[in-house]
Protein backbone atom coordinates (compact mmCIF):
# COMPACT_ATOMS: atom_id res chain seq x y z
CA MET A 1 3.96 -23.10 -12.99
CA SER A 2 4.06 -25.38 -9.74
CA GLN A 3 1.10 -24.99 -7.44
CA ASN A 4 3.78 -23.80 -4.73
CA ARG A 5 5.25 -21.13 -7.07
CA ALA A 6 1.79 -19.82 -7.95
CA ALA A 7 0.60 -19.74 -4.40
CA VAL A 8 3.81 -17.55 -3.81
CA GLN A 9 2.82 -15.11 -6.48
CA ARG A 10 -1.02 -14.92 -5.46
CA ARG A 11 0.32 -13.65 -2.01
CA LYS A 12 2.59 -11.03 -3.43
CA LEU A 13 -0.73 -10.19 -5.25
CA ASP A 14 -2.83 -10.21 -1.93
CA ASP A 15 -0.31 -7.98 -0.13
CA LEU A 16 -0.45 -5.50 -3.00
CA SER A 17 -4.72 -5.66 -3.15
CA ARG A 18 -4.27 -4.72 0.47
CA ARG A 19 -2.25 -2.20 0.43
CA LEU A 20 -4.39 -0.92 -2.25
CA ASP A 21 -7.58 -1.18 -0.47
CA ALA A 22 -5.80 0.16 2.68
CA ARG A 23 -4.44 3.17 0.67
CA THR A 24 -7.97 3.74 -1.47
CA ARG A 25 -10.08 3.81 2.31
CA GLU A 26 -7.34 6.09 3.99
CA PHE A 27 -7.52 8.75 1.31
CA ALA A 28 -11.38 8.62 1.01
CA GLN A 29 -11.98 8.98 4.63
CA THR A 30 -9.22 11.78 4.84
CA GLY A 31 -11.28 13.32 1.63
CA GLU A 32 -7.70 13.79 -0.31
CA PHE A 33 -8.91 11.42 -3.00
CA SER A 34 -9.25 13.31 -6.23
CA ASP A 35 -11.39 11.75 -9.12
CA VAL A 36 -7.68 11.39 -10.52
CA HIS A 37 -6.59 9.48 -8.07
CA GLU A 38 -9.37 7.20 -8.42
CA ALA A 39 -8.97 6.61 -11.65
CA LEU A 40 -5.02 5.67 -11.16
CA ILE A 41 -6.17 3.26 -8.79
CA SER A 42 -8.57 2.01 -10.82
CA GLN A 43 -6.11 1.32 -13.23
CA ILE A 44 -3.77 -0.13 -10.99
CA ARG A 45 -6.22 -2.54 -10.05
CA GLN A 46 -6.77 -3.44 -13.80
CA ARG A 47 -3.58 -4.23 -14.34
CA HIS A 48 -3.28 -6.17 -10.94
CA ASP A 49 -6.54 -8.36 -11.66
CA LYS A 50 -5.24 -9.11 -15.27
CA LEU A 51 -1.84 -10.29 -13.67
CA ARG A 52 -3.74 -12.30 -11.12
CA THR A 53 -5.72 -13.97 -13.98
CA LYS A 54 -2.55 -14.25 -15.94
CA VAL A 55 -0.89 -16.37 -12.96
CA ASP A 56 -3.92 -18.21 -12.18
CA ALA A 57 -4.06 -19.43 -16.12
CA ALA A 58 -0.38 -20.66 -15.62
CA ALA A 59 -0.60 -22.78 -12.68
CA ARG A 60 -4.23 -24.48 -14.08
CA GLU A 61 -2.48 -24.98 -17.64
CA GLY A 62 0.87 -26.00 -16.02
CA THR A 63 2.91 -23.38 -17.90
CA SER A 64 6.49 -23.78 -17.00
CA TRP A 65 7.54 -21.55 -14.31
CA ASP A 66 10.86 -19.70 -16.48
CA LEU A 67 7.95 -18.46 -18.95
CA VAL A 68 6.04 -16.55 -16.28
CA ARG A 69 8.63 -15.27 -14.14
CA ALA A 70 10.17 -12.80 -16.25
CA GLU A 71 6.50 -11.54 -17.22
CA PHE A 72 5.16 -11.64 -13.44
CA THR A 73 8.48 -10.16 -12.26
CA ARG A 74 8.10 -7.07 -14.66
CA ASP A 75 4.35 -6.59 -14.49
CA HIS A 76 4.06 -6.94 -10.69
CA SER A 77 7.21 -4.44 -10.55
CA SER A 78 5.57 -1.94 -12.77
CA ILE A 79 2.48 -2.14 -10.82
CA PHE A 80 3.91 -1.47 -7.29
CA ASP A 81 6.02 1.67 -8.64
CA ASP A 82 3.05 2.95 -9.92
CA LEU A 83 1.19 2.85 -6.64
CA LEU A 84 4.35 3.98 -5.09
CA GLN A 85 4.18 7.28 -7.07
CA LEU A 86 0.55 7.27 -6.47
CA GLU A 87 1.11 7.35 -2.77
CA GLU A 88 3.89 9.65 -2.89
CA ARG A 89 1.62 12.26 -4.96
CA LEU A 90 -1.32 11.60 -2.40
CA ASP A 91 1.53 12.27 0.13
CA VAL A 92 2.84 15.73 -0.84
CA ASP A 93 -0.52 16.86 -1.76
CA ALA A 94 -1.89 16.10 1.76
CA MET A 95 1.03 18.00 3.17
CA LYS A 96 0.65 20.69 0.95
CA LYS A 97 -2.86 20.90 2.01
CA ARG A 98 -2.04 20.50 5.79
CA ASP A 99 0.71 23.29 5.70
CA SER A 100 -1.32 25.57 3.64
CA THR A 101 -4.25 25.25 6.25
CA GLU A 102 -1.80 25.85 9.17
CA LYS A 103 -0.62 29.49 8.11
């Protein structure tokens, strides 16, 4: 894997990490972050960290990009989808809570 391609993958992972951090802070501040949500974020972070380790190892070892690309795309997409589902769940919960307090 070339250093340039590794850098691109690391940037994608950095973006995902920033999004995870932002959502964690947001829901922690509003008090809408349950233990279940925290456990899901933790699982997403673990998968994210594992993927970053794979990218770093592939760059160090000079692994062929063709071998890494499919796995990275699959794993990154899955992690991102899990984060989107969590965000949607948290947003729905927040709206329900807000609606119930407005009545």
